[in-house]
C-alpha atoms as a PDB file:
ATOM      1  CA  UNK A   1      69.222   6.430 -48.466  1.00  0.00           C
ATOM      2  CA  UNK A   2      66.077   6.239 -49.688  1.00  0.00           C
ATOM      3  CA  UNK A   3      62.872   8.046 -50.603  1.00  0.00           C
ATOM      4  CA  UNK A   4      60.668   9.563 -47.653  1.00  0.00           C
ATOM      5  CA  UNK A   5      58.527   6.500 -46.181  1.00  0.00           C
ATOM      6  CA  UNK A   6      61.107   4.031 -47.756  1.00  0.00           C
ATOM      7  CA  UNK A   7      61.969   3.199 -43.588  1.00  0.00           C
ATOM      8  CA  UNK A   8      65.349   5.051 -43.406  1.00  0.00           C
ATOM      9  CA  UNK A   9      64.028   6.594 -39.860  1.00  0.00           C
ATOM     10  CA  UNK A  10      62.655   2.874 -38.410  1.00  0.00           C
ATOM     11  CA  UNK A  11      65.559   0.866 -39.812  1.00  0.00           C
ATOM     12  CA  UNK A  12      68.207   3.655 -38.480  1.00  0.00           C
ATOM     13  CA  UNK A  13      67.069   3.227 -34.987  1.00  0.00           C
ATOM     14  CA  UNK A  14      66.793  -0.280 -35.078  1.00  0.00           C
ATOM     15  CA  UNK A  15      70.161  -0.411 -35.916  1.00  0.00           C
ATOM     16  CA  UNK A  16      71.219   2.063 -33.503  1.00  0.00           C
ATOM     17  CA  UNK A  17      69.757  -0.097 -31.192  1.00  0.00           C
ATOM     18  CA  UNK A  18      71.460  -3.458 -31.861  1.00  0.00           C
ATOM     19  CA  UNK A  19      75.010  -2.421 -32.599  1.00  0.00           C
ATOM     20  CA  UNK A  20      75.306   0.777 -30.485  1.00  0.00           C
ATOM     21  CA  UNK A  21      75.313   3.186 -33.880  1.00  0.00           C
ATOM     22  CA  UNK A  22      74.597   7.029 -33.013  1.00  0.00           C
ATOM     23  CA  UNK A  23      71.534   7.615 -34.767  1.00  0.00           C
ATOM     24  CA  UNK A  24      71.346  11.263 -36.184  1.00  0.00           C
ATOM     25  CA  UNK A  25      67.653  11.767 -37.768  1.00  0.00           C
ATOM     26  CA  UNK A  26      68.390  14.480 -39.807  1.00  0.00           C
ATOM     27  CA  UNK A  27      64.773  15.274 -40.551  1.00  0.00           C
ATOM     28  CA  UNK A  28      63.581  15.610 -37.001  1.00  0.00           C
ATOM     29  CA  UNK A  29      66.544  18.237 -36.444  1.00  0.00           C
ATOM     30  CA  UNK A  30      65.497  20.314 -39.087  1.00  0.00           C
ATOM     31  CA  UNK A  31      61.735  19.955 -38.323  1.00  0.00           C
ATOM     32  CA  UNK A  32      63.078  21.095 -34.749  1.00  0.00           C
ATOM     33  CA  UNK A  33      64.629  24.149 -35.843  1.00  0.00           C
ATOM     34  CA  UNK A  34      62.234  25.163 -37.959  1.00  0.00           C
ATOM     35  CA  UNK A  35      59.956  25.204 -35.346  1.00  0.00           C
ATOM     36  CA  UNK A  36      62.124  27.722 -33.047  1.00  0.00           C
ATOM     37  CA  UNK A  37      60.868  30.082 -34.964  1.00  0.00           C
ATOM     38  CA  UNK A  38      64.324  32.001 -36.155  1.00  0.00           C
ATOM     39  CA  UNK A  39      65.088  33.331 -39.707  1.00  0.00           C
ATOM     40  CA  UNK A  40      67.157  30.186 -40.640  1.00  0.00           C
ATOM     41  CA  UNK A  41      64.031  27.964 -38.832  1.00  0.00           C
ATOM     42  CA  UNK A  42      61.639  29.872 -41.162  1.00  0.00           C
ATOM     43  CA  UNK A  43      64.026  29.093 -44.205  1.00  0.00           C
ATOM     44  CA  UNK A  44      64.032  25.322 -43.539  1.00  0.00           C
ATOM     45  CA  UNK A  45      60.303  25.470 -43.010  1.00  0.00           C
ATOM     46  CA  UNK A  46      59.445  27.145 -46.470  1.00  0.00           C
ATOM     47  CA  UNK A  47      61.952  24.619 -48.368  1.00  0.00           C
ATOM     48  CA  UNK A  48      60.393  21.283 -46.648  1.00  0.00           C
ATOM     49  CA  UNK A  49      56.994  22.883 -47.193  1.00  0.00           C
ATOM     50  CA  UNK A  50      57.813  23.215 -50.823  1.00  0.00           C
ATOM     51  CA  UNK A  51      58.901  19.229 -51.041  1.00  0.00           C
ATOM     52  CA  UNK A  52      62.379  20.446 -51.448  1.00  0.00           C
ATOM     53  CA  UNK A  53      65.661  19.038 -50.034  1.00  0.00           C
ATOM     54  CA  UNK A  54      67.470  21.073 -47.290  1.00  0.00           C
ATOM     55  CA  UNK A  55      71.002  21.213 -48.164  1.00  0.00           C
ATOM     56  CA  UNK A  56      73.396  19.325 -45.626  1.00  0.00           C
ATOM     57  CA  UNK A  57      76.878  18.680 -45.464  1.00  0.00           C
ATOM     58  CA  UNK A  58      78.405  15.031 -43.890  1.00  0.00           C
ATOM     59  CA  UNK A  59      81.501  13.084 -44.424  1.00  0.00           C
ATOM     60  CA  UNK A  60      81.898  10.422 -46.748  1.00  0.00           C
ATOM     61  CA  UNK A  61      80.298   6.823 -45.536  1.00  0.00           C
ATOM     62  CA  UNK A  62      81.976   3.152 -45.342  1.00  0.00           C
ATOM     63  CA  UNK A  63      78.705   2.260 -46.915  1.00  0.00           C
ATOM     64  CA  UNK A  64      75.466   3.357 -47.818  1.00  0.00           C
ATOM     65  CA  UNK A  65      72.328   1.325 -47.575  1.00  0.00           C
ATOM     66  CA  UNK A  66      69.493   2.298 -50.373  1.00  0.00           C
ATOM     67  CA  UNK A  67      66.304   1.650 -49.095  1.00  0.00           C
ATOM     68  CA  UNK A  68      64.113   0.724 -52.710  1.00  0.00           C
ATOM     69  CA  UNK A  69      60.435   1.080 -52.321  1.00  0.00           C
ATOM     70  CA  UNK A  70      57.771   1.963 -54.783  1.00  0.00           C
ATOM     71  CA  UNK A  71      56.672   5.656 -54.776  1.00  0.00           C
ATOM     72  CA  UNK A  72      52.857   4.214 -53.891  1.00  0.00           C
ATOM     73  CA  UNK A  73      54.297   2.475 -51.015  1.00  0.00           C
ATOM     74  CA  UNK A  74      56.170   5.615 -49.500  1.00  0.00           C
ATOM     75  CA  UNK A  75      52.995   7.786 -50.314  1.00  0.00           C
ATOM     76  CA  UNK A  76      50.796   5.652 -48.239  1.00  0.00           C
ATOM     77  CA  UNK A  77      53.525   5.267 -45.487  1.00  0.00           C
ATOM     78  CA  UNK A  78      53.981   9.081 -45.359  1.00  0.00           C
ATOM     79  CA  UNK A  79      50.240   9.950 -45.185  1.00  0.00           C
ATOM     80  CA  UNK A  80      50.050   7.630 -42.539  1.00  0.00           C
ATOM     81  CA  UNK A  81      52.617   8.866 -40.343  1.00  0.00           C
ATOM     82  CA  UNK A  82      51.649  12.681 -41.402  1.00  0.00           C
ATOM     83  CA  UNK A  83      48.377  11.694 -39.782  1.00  0.00           C
ATOM     84  CA  UNK A  84      49.856  10.022 -36.737  1.00  0.00           C
ATOM     85  CA  UNK A  85      52.638  12.635 -35.919  1.00  0.00           C
ATOM     86  CA  UNK A  86      50.494  15.485 -37.266  1.00  0.00           C
ATOM     87  CA  UNK A  87      53.540  16.590 -39.740  1.00  0.00           C
ATOM     88  CA  UNK A  88      52.991  19.995 -41.876  1.00  0.00           C
ATOM     89  CA  UNK A  89      55.204  18.445 -44.273  1.00  0.00           C
ATOM     90  CA  UNK A  90      53.557  15.246 -44.664  1.00  0.00           C
ATOM     91  CA  UNK A  91      50.469  16.501 -47.074  1.00  0.00           C
ATOM     92  CA  UNK A  92      50.471  14.428 -50.427  1.00  0.00           C
ATOM     93  CA  UNK A  93      51.140  17.298 -52.564  1.00  0.00           C
ATOM     94  CA  UNK A  94      54.335  17.901 -50.649  1.00  0.00           C
ATOM     95  CA  UNK A  95      55.132  14.441 -50.469  1.00  0.00           C
ATOM     96  CA  UNK A  96      54.775  13.840 -54.267  1.00  0.00           C
ATOM     97  CA  UNK A  97      57.332  17.150 -54.801  1.00  0.00           C
ATOM     98  CA  UNK A  98      59.875  15.691 -52.217  1.00  0.00           C
ATOM     99  CA  UNK A  99      59.847  12.294 -53.734  1.00  0.00           C
ATOM    100  CA  UNK A 100      60.402  14.019 -57.148  1.00  0.00           C
ATOM    101  CA  UNK A 101      63.113  15.849 -55.846  1.00  0.00           C
ATOM    102  CA  UNK A 102      64.854  12.657 -54.138  1.00  0.00           C
ATOM    103  CA  UNK A 103      64.641  11.054 -57.481  1.00  0.00           C
ATOM    104  CA  UNK A 104      66.014  13.627 -59.500  1.00  0.00           C
ATOM    105  CA  UNK A 105      68.914  14.704 -57.149  1.00  0.00           C
ATOM    106  CA  UNK A 106      69.900  11.485 -55.180  1.00  0.00           C
ATOM    107  CA  UNK A 107      70.805   9.597 -58.592  1.00  0.00           C
ATOM    108  CA  UNK A 108      73.961  11.488 -59.154  1.00  0.00           C
ATOM    109  CA  UNK A 109      74.803  10.559 -55.818  1.00  0.00           C
ATOM    110  CA  UNK A 110      74.093   6.999 -55.863  1.00  0.00           C
ATOM    111  CA  UNK A 111      75.940   6.688 -59.271  1.00  0.00           C
ATOM    112  CA  UNK A 112      78.560   8.016 -57.154  1.00  0.00           C
ATOM    113  CA  UNK A 113      78.495   5.339 -54.376  1.00  0.00           C
ATOM    114  CA  UNK A 114      77.750   2.930 -57.004  1.00  0.00           C
ATOM    115  CA  UNK A 115      80.784   3.624 -58.744  1.00  0.00           C
ATOM    116  CA  UNK A 116      83.158   3.350 -55.805  1.00  0.00           C
ATOM    117  CA  UNK A 117      81.066  -0.316 -54.653  1.00  0.00           C
ATOM    118  CA  UNK A 118      79.661   1.221 -51.009  1.00  0.00           C
ATOM    119  CA  UNK A 119      75.807   0.456 -52.407  1.00  0.00           C
ATOM    120  CA  UNK A 120      73.873  -2.367 -50.654  1.00  0.00           C
ATOM    121  CA  UNK A 121      69.957  -2.234 -52.186  1.00  0.00           C
ATOM    122  CA  UNK A 122      67.446  -3.501 -49.859  1.00  0.00           C
ATOM    123  CA  UNK A 123      64.052  -3.618 -51.061  1.00  0.00           C
ATOM    124  CA  UNK A 124      62.192  -2.036 -48.623  1.00  0.00           C
ATOM    125  CA  UNK A 125      58.512  -3.277 -49.391  1.00  0.00           C
ATOM    126  CA  UNK A 126      58.082  -5.746 -46.656  1.00  0.00           C
ATOM    127  CA  UNK A 127      57.499  -5.396 -42.852  1.00  0.00           C
ATOM    128  CA  UNK A 128      59.903  -3.652 -40.674  1.00  0.00           C
ATOM    129  CA  UNK A 129      61.496  -6.508 -39.069  1.00  0.00           C
ATOM    130  CA  UNK A 130      62.159  -8.422 -42.579  1.00  0.00           C
ATOM    131  CA  UNK A 131      63.667  -5.499 -43.814  1.00  0.00           C
ATOM    132  CA  UNK A 132      65.246  -5.042 -40.556  1.00  0.00           C
ATOM    133  CA  UNK A 133      66.768  -8.602 -41.091  1.00  0.00           C
ATOM    134  CA  UNK A 134      68.215  -7.558 -44.388  1.00  0.00           C
ATOM    135  CA  UNK A 135      69.802  -4.379 -43.022  1.00  0.00           C
ATOM    136  CA  UNK A 136      71.762  -6.805 -40.325  1.00  0.00           C
ATOM    137  CA  UNK A 137      73.331  -8.937 -43.041  1.00  0.00           C
ATOM    138  CA  UNK A 138      74.634  -5.594 -44.748  1.00  0.00           C
ATOM    139  CA  UNK A 139      76.307  -4.275 -41.470  1.00  0.00           C
ATOM    140  CA  UNK A 140      77.603  -8.000 -40.278  1.00  0.00           C
ATOM    141  CA  UNK A 141      78.970  -8.523 -43.902  1.00  0.00           C
ATOM    142  CA  UNK A 142      81.286  -5.262 -42.941  1.00  0.00           C
ATOM    143  CA  UNK A 143      82.764  -6.756 -40.110  1.00  0.00           C
END
């Protein structure tokens, strides 16, 4: 878990490669559906452009890795990603709304998993390879 631009996607892909995990990029799936132009796709697109979270359903995790990153770092990273990938939902206003939404809606979820002793916090301000080394330590501590 973590805000937009904290490195979730990058690190999940790295962990999937190293450990054989199945990486499901929910954001990418939602963007693909939004581009299809269906009624559901237009609803998803509208929610994303307003910087809100699209409701989803999942199963209970064994561990929750939280990528801690400053708001300014996340904004900077997402703006750069938006330029590279031409993503309409990566404009600064939408990014800041997504971050505000993330912080307000995710705190109860984080508290829930903290009470179950499932949270593992990783400082995600460093280079991707250093963050990945920390992810590997978390994964390997479970085995």
